[in-house]
PDB file of N, CA and C in Angstrom:
ATOM      1  N   MET A   1      16.732  -9.051  -4.430  1.00  0.00           N
ATOM      2  CA  MET A   1      15.550  -8.589  -5.143  1.00  0.00           C
ATOM      3  C   MET A   1      14.300  -9.009  -4.367  1.00  0.00           C
ATOM      4  N   HIS A   2      13.348  -8.115  -4.275  1.00  0.00           N
ATOM      5  CA  HIS A   2      12.113  -8.382  -3.545  1.00  0.00           C
ATOM      6  C   HIS A   2      11.105  -9.081  -4.452  1.00  0.00           C
ATOM      7  N   GLN A   3      10.330  -9.973  -3.866  1.00  0.00           N
ATOM      8  CA  GLN A   3       9.268 -10.592  -4.645  1.00  0.00           C
ATOM      9  C   GLN A   3       8.051  -9.671  -4.632  1.00  0.00           C
ATOM     10  N   HIS A   4       7.253  -9.749  -5.654  1.00  0.00           N
ATOM     11  CA  HIS A   4       6.064  -8.916  -5.745  1.00  0.00           C
ATOM     12  C   HIS A   4       4.994  -9.412  -4.783  1.00  0.00           C
ATOM     13  N   VAL A   5       4.318  -8.478  -4.135  1.00  0.00           N
ATOM     14  CA  VAL A   5       3.192  -8.841  -3.281  1.00  0.00           C
ATOM     15  C   VAL A   5       1.964  -9.028  -4.152  1.00  0.00           C
ATOM     16  N   GLN A   6       0.992  -9.759  -3.626  1.00  0.00           N
ATOM     17  CA  GLN A   6      -0.274  -9.939  -4.324  1.00  0.00           C
ATOM     18  C   GLN A   6      -1.059  -8.626  -4.269  1.00  0.00           C
ATOM     19  N   LEU A   7      -1.658  -8.254  -5.364  1.00  0.00           N
ATOM     20  CA  LEU A   7      -2.462  -7.036  -5.409  1.00  0.00           C
ATOM     21  C   LEU A   7      -3.915  -7.383  -5.687  1.00  0.00           C
ATOM     22  N   ASN A   8      -4.481  -8.160  -4.777  1.00  0.00           N
ATOM     23  CA  ASN A   8      -5.884  -8.546  -4.862  1.00  0.00           C
ATOM     24  C   ASN A   8      -6.675  -7.742  -3.850  1.00  0.00           C
ATOM     25  N   PRO A   9      -7.950  -7.456  -4.137  1.00  0.00           N
ATOM     26  CA  PRO A   9      -8.773  -6.747  -3.152  1.00  0.00           C
ATOM     27  C   PRO A   9      -8.722  -7.448  -1.804  1.00  0.00           C
ATOM     28  N   GLY A  10      -8.571  -6.660  -0.752  1.00  0.00           N
ATOM     29  CA  GLY A  10      -8.507  -7.196   0.592  1.00  0.00           C
ATOM     30  C   GLY A  10      -7.093  -7.398   1.113  1.00  0.00           C
ATOM     31  N   GLU A  11      -6.096  -7.414   0.220  1.00  0.00           N
ATOM     32  CA  GLU A  11      -4.702  -7.560   0.669  1.00  0.00           C
ATOM     33  C   GLU A  11      -4.341  -6.370   1.553  1.00  0.00           C
ATOM     34  N   VAL A  12      -3.554  -6.632   2.601  1.00  0.00           N
ATOM     35  CA  VAL A  12      -3.097  -5.577   3.499  1.00  0.00           C
ATOM     36  C   VAL A  12      -1.606  -5.368   3.253  1.00  0.00           C
ATOM     37  N   LEU A  13      -1.254  -4.127   2.926  1.00  0.00           N
ATOM     38  CA  LEU A  13       0.102  -3.779   2.515  1.00  0.00           C
ATOM     39  C   LEU A  13       0.734  -2.771   3.462  1.00  0.00           C
ATOM     40  N   HIS A  14       2.057  -2.852   3.576  1.00  0.00           N
ATOM     41  CA  HIS A  14       2.824  -1.801   4.239  1.00  0.00           C
ATOM     42  C   HIS A  14       3.265  -0.848   3.137  1.00  0.00           C
ATOM     43  N   ILE A  15       2.922   0.421   3.270  1.00  0.00           N
ATOM     44  CA  ILE A  15       3.307   1.437   2.296  1.00  0.00           C
ATOM     45  C   ILE A  15       4.306   2.360   2.985  1.00  0.00           C
ATOM     46  N   GLY A  16       5.578   2.203   2.648  1.00  0.00           N
ATOM     47  CA  GLY A  16       6.628   2.999   3.265  1.00  0.00           C
ATOM     48  C   GLY A  16       7.434   3.760   2.226  1.00  0.00           C
ATOM     49  N   GLY A  17       8.590   4.216   2.636  1.00  0.00           N
ATOM     50  CA  GLY A  17       9.447   5.021   1.782  1.00  0.00           C
ATOM     51  C   GLY A  17       9.911   4.338   0.516  1.00  0.00           C
ATOM     52  N   GLU A  18       9.978   2.995   0.510  1.00  0.00           N
ATOM     53  CA  GLU A  18      10.367   2.286  -0.712  1.00  0.00           C
ATOM     54  C   GLU A  18       9.281   2.383  -1.779  1.00  0.00           C
ATOM     55  N   ALA A  19       8.034   2.582  -1.344  1.00  0.00           N
ATOM     56  CA  ALA A  19       6.920   2.709  -2.284  1.00  0.00           C
ATOM     57  C   ALA A  19       6.814   4.133  -2.822  1.00  0.00           C
ATOM     58  N   SER A  20       7.114   5.117  -1.975  1.00  0.00           N
ATOM     59  CA  SER A  20       7.106   6.521  -2.378  1.00  0.00           C
ATOM     60  C   SER A  20       7.678   7.348  -1.234  1.00  0.00           C
ATOM     61  N   VAL A  21       8.480   8.344  -1.558  1.00  0.00           N
ATOM     62  CA  VAL A  21       9.104   9.161  -0.517  1.00  0.00           C
ATOM     63  C   VAL A  21       8.059   9.834   0.370  1.00  0.00           C
ATOM     64  N   GLN A  22       6.861  10.059  -0.141  1.00  0.00           N
ATOM     65  CA  GLN A  22       5.840  10.703   0.702  1.00  0.00           C
ATOM     66  C   GLN A  22       5.384   9.824   1.863  1.00  0.00           C
ATOM     67  N   PHE A  23       5.734   8.528   1.836  1.00  0.00           N
ATOM     68  CA  PHE A  23       5.340   7.606   2.908  1.00  0.00           C
ATOM     69  C   PHE A  23       6.534   7.136   3.739  1.00  0.00           C
ATOM     70  N   ALA A  24       7.633   7.875   3.695  1.00  0.00           N
ATOM     71  CA  ALA A  24       8.840   7.502   4.434  1.00  0.00           C
ATOM     72  C   ALA A  24       8.668   7.722   5.937  1.00  0.00           C
ATOM     73  N   GLY A  25       9.390   6.935   6.714  1.00  0.00           N
ATOM     74  CA  GLY A  25       9.445   7.110   8.164  1.00  0.00           C
ATOM     75  C   GLY A  25       8.086   7.053   8.828  1.00  0.00           C
ATOM     76  N   PRO A  26       7.775   8.071   9.659  1.00  0.00           N
ATOM     77  CA  PRO A  26       6.521   8.051  10.415  1.00  0.00           C
ATOM     78  C   PRO A  26       5.279   8.248   9.540  1.00  0.00           C
ATOM     79  N   ARG A  27       5.459   8.536   8.266  1.00  0.00           N
ATOM     80  CA  ARG A  27       4.312   8.721   7.366  1.00  0.00           C
ATOM     81  C   ARG A  27       3.901   7.412   6.684  1.00  0.00           C
ATOM     82  N   ALA A  28       4.536   6.307   7.048  1.00  0.00           N
ATOM     83  CA  ALA A  28       4.194   4.997   6.471  1.00  0.00           C
ATOM     84  C   ALA A  28       2.749   4.631   6.812  1.00  0.00           C
ATOM     85  N   LEU A  29       2.139   3.849   5.942  1.00  0.00           N
ATOM     86  CA  LEU A  29       0.736   3.446   6.103  1.00  0.00           C
ATOM     87  C   LEU A  29       0.605   1.927   6.121  1.00  0.00           C
ATOM     88  N   THR A  30      -0.410   1.461   6.818  1.00  0.00           N
ATOM     89  CA  THR A  30      -0.919   0.114   6.619  1.00  0.00           C
ATOM     90  C   THR A  30      -2.183   0.311   5.798  1.00  0.00           C
ATOM     91  N   PHE A  31      -2.268  -0.395   4.677  1.00  0.00           N
ATOM     92  CA  PHE A  31      -3.254  -0.078   3.643  1.00  0.00           C
ATOM     93  C   PHE A  31      -3.963  -1.336   3.191  1.00  0.00           C
ATOM     94  N   ARG A  32      -5.309  -1.348   3.281  1.00  0.00           N
ATOM     95  CA  ARG A  32      -6.101  -2.473   2.762  1.00  0.00           C
ATOM     96  C   ARG A  32      -6.554  -2.111   1.362  1.00  0.00           C
ATOM     97  N   LEU A  33      -6.142  -2.907   0.400  1.00  0.00           N
ATOM     98  CA  LEU A  33      -6.392  -2.631  -1.005  1.00  0.00           C
ATOM     99  C   LEU A  33      -7.850  -2.888  -1.393  1.00  0.00           C
ATOM    100  N   ILE A  34      -8.422  -1.935  -2.111  1.00  0.00           N
ATOM    101  CA  ILE A  34      -9.729  -2.116  -2.735  1.00  0.00           C
ATOM    102  C   ILE A  34      -9.524  -2.511  -4.192  1.00  0.00           C
ATOM    103  N   ARG A  35      -8.699  -1.708  -4.894  1.00  0.00           N
ATOM    104  CA  ARG A  35      -8.460  -2.011  -6.306  1.00  0.00           C
ATOM    105  C   ARG A  35      -7.209  -1.311  -6.811  1.00  0.00           C
ATOM    106  N   VAL A  36      -6.666  -1.845  -7.898  1.00  0.00           N
ATOM    107  CA  VAL A  36      -5.561  -1.229  -8.625  1.00  0.00           C
ATOM    108  C   VAL A  36      -6.178  -0.525  -9.819  1.00  0.00           C
ATOM    109  N   ASP A  37      -5.892   0.753  -9.967  1.00  0.00           N
ATOM    110  CA  ASP A  37      -6.400   1.504 -11.111  1.00  0.00           C
ATOM    111  C   ASP A  37      -5.748   0.949 -12.375  1.00  0.00           C
ATOM    112  N   PRO A  38      -6.537   0.569 -13.393  1.00  0.00           N
ATOM    113  CA  PRO A  38      -5.975  -0.071 -14.587  1.00  0.00           C
ATOM    114  C   PRO A  38      -5.300   0.890 -15.572  1.00  0.00           C
ATOM    115  N   ARG A  39      -5.432   2.197 -15.349  1.00  0.00           N
ATOM    116  CA  ARG A  39      -4.837   3.140 -16.302  1.00  0.00           C
ATOM    117  C   ARG A  39      -3.312   3.005 -16.338  1.00  0.00           C
ATOM    118  N   VAL A  40      -2.754   3.152 -17.522  1.00  0.00           N
ATOM    119  CA  VAL A  40      -1.310   3.084 -17.708  1.00  0.00           C
ATOM    120  C   VAL A  40      -0.688   4.358 -17.151  1.00  0.00           C
ATOM    121  N   THR A  41       0.422   4.189 -16.440  1.00  0.00           N
ATOM    122  CA  THR A  41       1.129   5.316 -15.852  1.00  0.00           C
ATOM    123  C   THR A  41       2.629   5.117 -16.062  1.00  0.00           C
ATOM    124  N   TYR A  42       3.461   5.798 -15.314  1.00  0.00           N
ATOM    125  CA  TYR A  42       4.909   5.636 -15.450  1.00  0.00           C
ATOM    126  C   TYR A  42       5.296   4.192 -15.179  1.00  0.00           C
ATOM    127  N   ASP A  43       6.320   3.714 -15.874  1.00  0.00           N
ATOM    128  CA  ASP A  43       6.772   2.344 -15.738  1.00  0.00           C
ATOM    129  C   ASP A  43       7.105   2.026 -14.283  1.00  0.00           C
ATOM    130  N   GLY A  44       6.461   0.991 -13.737  1.00  0.00           N
ATOM    131  CA  GLY A  44       6.723   0.551 -12.381  1.00  0.00           C
ATOM    132  C   GLY A  44       5.891   1.245 -11.311  1.00  0.00           C
ATOM    133  N   TRP A  45       5.042   2.175 -11.699  1.00  0.00           N
ATOM    134  CA  TRP A  45       4.209   2.921 -10.742  1.00  0.00           C
ATOM    135  C   TRP A  45       2.739   2.557 -10.926  1.00  0.00           C
ATOM    136  N   LEU A  46       1.980   2.610  -9.818  1.00  0.00           N
ATOM    137  CA  LEU A  46       0.557   2.246  -9.819  1.00  0.00           C
ATOM    138  C   LEU A  46      -0.248   3.226  -8.978  1.00  0.00           C
ATOM    139  N   TRP A  47      -1.497   3.400  -9.359  1.00  0.00           N
ATOM    140  CA  TRP A  47      -2.473   4.058  -8.488  1.00  0.00           C
ATOM    141  C   TRP A  47      -3.235   2.957  -7.772  1.00  0.00           C
ATOM    142  N   LEU A  48      -3.276   3.021  -6.445  1.00  0.00           N
ATOM    143  CA  LEU A  48      -4.026   2.062  -5.644  1.00  0.00           C
ATOM    144  C   LEU A  48      -5.141   2.782  -4.905  1.00  0.00           C
ATOM    145  N   GLU A  49      -6.277   2.125  -4.775  1.00  0.00           N
ATOM    146  CA  GLU A  49      -7.371   2.640  -3.956  1.00  0.00           C
ATOM    147  C   GLU A  49      -7.565   1.692  -2.789  1.00  0.00           C
ATOM    148  N   GLY A  50      -7.780   2.273  -1.617  1.00  0.00           N
ATOM    149  CA  GLY A  50      -7.984   1.425  -0.460  1.00  0.00           C
ATOM    150  C   GLY A  50      -8.207   2.222   0.804  1.00  0.00           C
ATOM    151  N   TYR A  51      -8.052   1.539   1.921  1.00  0.00           N
ATOM    152  CA  TYR A  51      -8.275   2.138   3.237  1.00  0.00           C
ATOM    153  C   TYR A  51      -6.992   2.131   4.051  1.00  0.00           C
ATOM    154  N   VAL A  52      -6.706   3.270   4.675  1.00  0.00           N
ATOM    155  CA  VAL A  52      -5.635   3.341   5.660  1.00  0.00           C
ATOM    156  C   VAL A  52      -6.167   2.683   6.925  1.00  0.00           C
ATOM    157  N   LEU A  53      -5.376   1.786   7.506  1.00  0.00           N
ATOM    158  CA  LEU A  53      -5.787   1.083   8.721  1.00  0.00           C
ATOM    159  C   LEU A  53      -5.063   1.667   9.926  1.00  0.00           C
ATOM    160  N   GLY A  54      -5.785   1.833  11.008  1.00  0.00           N
ATOM    161  CA  GLY A  54      -5.199   2.296  12.259  1.00  0.00           C
ATOM    162  C   GLY A  54      -4.496   1.150  12.970  1.00  0.00           C
ATOM    163  N   PRO A  55      -3.896   1.421  14.136  1.00  0.00           N
ATOM    164  CA  PRO A  55      -3.153   0.399  14.885  1.00  0.00           C
ATOM    165  C   PRO A  55      -3.979  -0.840  15.235  1.00  0.00           C
ATOM    166  N   SER A  56      -5.290  -0.678  15.389  1.00  0.00           N
ATOM    167  CA  SER A  56      -6.138  -1.831  15.732  1.00  0.00           C
ATOM    168  C   SER A  56      -6.623  -2.587  14.495  1.00  0.00           C
ATOM    169  N   GLY A  57      -6.262  -2.092  13.296  1.00  0.00           N
ATOM    170  CA  GLY A  57      -6.694  -2.744  12.065  1.00  0.00           C
ATOM    171  C   GLY A  57      -8.004  -2.221  11.514  1.00  0.00           C
ATOM    172  N   VAL A  58      -8.567  -1.192  12.145  1.00  0.00           N
ATOM    173  CA  VAL A  58      -9.821  -0.596  11.693  1.00  0.00           C
ATOM    174  C   VAL A  58      -9.517   0.475  10.644  1.00  0.00           C
ATOM    175  N   ALA A  59     -10.319   0.510   9.585  1.00  0.00           N
ATOM    176  CA  ALA A  59     -10.145   1.519   8.541  1.00  0.00           C
ATOM    177  C   ALA A  59     -10.418   2.911   9.107  1.00  0.00           C
ATOM    178  N   THR A  60      -9.484   3.835   8.834  1.00  0.00           N
ATOM    179  CA  THR A  60      -9.637   5.200   9.331  1.00  0.00           C
ATOM    180  C   THR A  60      -9.842   6.219   8.215  1.00  0.00           C
ATOM    181  N   GLN A  61      -9.449   5.856   6.994  1.00  0.00           N
ATOM    182  CA  GLN A  61      -9.543   6.814   5.889  1.00  0.00           C
ATOM    183  C   GLN A  61      -9.475   6.070   4.563  1.00  0.00           C
ATOM    184  N   ARG A  62     -10.302   6.484   3.606  1.00  0.00           N
ATOM    185  CA  ARG A  62     -10.203   5.936   2.252  1.00  0.00           C
ATOM    186  C   ARG A  62      -9.288   6.851   1.454  1.00  0.00           C
ATOM    187  N   ARG A  63      -8.347   6.236   0.692  1.00  0.00           N
ATOM    188  CA  ARG A  63      -7.389   7.025  -0.072  1.00  0.00           C
ATOM    189  C   ARG A  63      -7.079   6.385  -1.411  1.00  0.00           C
ATOM    190  N   ARG A  64      -6.587   7.218  -2.307  1.00  0.00           N
ATOM    191  CA  ARG A  64      -6.001   6.776  -3.568  1.00  0.00           C
ATOM    192  C   ARG A  64      -4.548   7.221  -3.505  1.00  0.00           C
ATOM    193  N   ILE A  65      -3.621   6.275  -3.694  1.00  0.00           N
ATOM    194  CA  ILE A  65      -2.208   6.600  -3.566  1.00  0.00           C
ATOM    195  C   ILE A  65      -1.435   6.167  -4.809  1.00  0.00           C
ATOM    196  N   PHE A  66      -0.345   6.867  -5.090  1.00  0.00           N
ATOM    197  CA  PHE A  66       0.516   6.603  -6.242  1.00  0.00           C
ATOM    198  C   PHE A  66       1.831   6.050  -5.708  1.00  0.00           C
ATOM    199  N   VAL A  67       2.157   4.802  -6.067  1.00  0.00           N
ATOM    200  CA  VAL A  67       3.298   4.111  -5.467  1.00  0.00           C
ATOM    201  C   VAL A  67       4.099   3.309  -6.489  1.00  0.00           C
ATOM    202  N   ARG A  68       5.332   3.006  -6.110  1.00  0.00           N
ATOM    203  CA  ARG A  68       6.178   2.122  -6.913  1.00  0.00           C
ATOM    204  C   ARG A  68       5.824   0.679  -6.599  1.00  0.00           C
ATOM    205  N   ARG A  69       5.587  -0.109  -7.613  1.00  0.00           N
ATOM    206  CA  ARG A  69       5.213  -1.521  -7.453  1.00  0.00           C
ATOM    207  C   ARG A  69       6.258  -2.284  -6.647  1.00  0.00           C
ATOM    208  N   GLU A  70       7.535  -2.055  -6.940  1.00  0.00           N
ATOM    209  CA  GLU A  70       8.601  -2.785  -6.256  1.00  0.00           C
ATOM    210  C   GLU A  70       8.726  -2.418  -4.786  1.00  0.00           C
ATOM    211  N   GLY A  71       8.201  -1.265  -4.380  1.00  0.00           N
ATOM    212  CA  GLY A  71       8.314  -0.836  -2.995  1.00  0.00           C
ATOM    213  C   GLY A  71       7.218  -1.358  -2.083  1.00  0.00           C
ATOM    214  N   LEU A  72       6.242  -2.050  -2.626  1.00  0.00           N
ATOM    215  CA  LEU A  72       5.133  -2.557  -1.814  1.00  0.00           C
ATOM    216  C   LEU A  72       5.552  -3.798  -1.033  1.00  0.00           C
ATOM    217  N   ARG A  73       5.100  -3.875   0.219  1.00  0.00           N
ATOM    218  CA  ARG A  73       5.413  -5.008   1.097  1.00  0.00           C
ATOM    219  C   ARG A  73       4.133  -5.498   1.750  1.00  0.00           C
ATOM    220  N   PRO A  74       4.057  -6.798   2.057  1.00  0.00           N
ATOM    221  CA  PRO A  74       2.915  -7.265   2.844  1.00  0.00           C
ATOM    222  C   PRO A  74       3.009  -6.660   4.234  1.00  0.00           C
ATOM    223  N   ALA A  75       1.878  -6.341   4.824  1.00  0.00           N
ATOM    224  CA  ALA A  75       1.869  -5.828   6.191  1.00  0.00           C
ATOM    225  C   ALA A  75       2.244  -6.942   7.154  1.00  0.00           C
ATOM    226  N   ALA A  76       2.898  -6.579   8.238  1.00  0.00           N
ATOM    227  CA  ALA A  76       3.255  -7.558   9.271  1.00  0.00           C
ATOM    228  C   ALA A  76       1.993  -8.126   9.872  1.00  0.00           C
ATOM    229  N   ASN A  77       1.993  -9.383  10.182  1.00  0.00           N
ATOM    230  CA  ASN A  77       0.836 -10.047  10.783  1.00  0.00           C
ATOM    231  C   ASN A  77       0.968 -10.124  12.287  1.00  0.00           C
ATOM    232  N   ASP A  78       1.444  -9.032  12.921  1.00  0.00           N
ATOM    233  CA  ASP A  78       1.693  -9.077  14.352  1.00  0.00           C
ATOM    234  C   ASP A  78       0.694  -8.235  15.144  1.00  0.00           C
ATOM    235  N   ARG A  79      -0.481  -8.033  14.596  1.00  0.00           N
ATOM    236  CA  ARG A  79      -1.504  -7.279  15.327  1.00  0.00           C
ATOM    237  C   ARG A  79      -2.081  -8.125  16.438  1.00  0.00           C
ATOM    238  N   ALA A  80      -2.325  -7.497  17.564  1.00  0.00           N
ATOM    239  CA  ALA A  80      -2.932  -8.229  18.684  1.00  0.00           C
ATOM    240  C   ALA A  80      -4.430  -8.153  18.616  1.00  0.00           C
TER     241      ALA A  80
END
């Protein structure tokens, strides 16, 4: 069983296929969280607002995404 990641503003997450099939494989994102939408949705699912980060860690796009809470992972800290 996976432990839950922190969902605080500024957290950097890996959003892959475990979070939603739309982010599987090469469509995975590195995502800096701005906020979690407080509205109630399907059990275990969340709307997140944040920035997609490019390979250098610079924000490239602001997005709102719908993901499974259990599929969220901390981003790897291996950026140069």
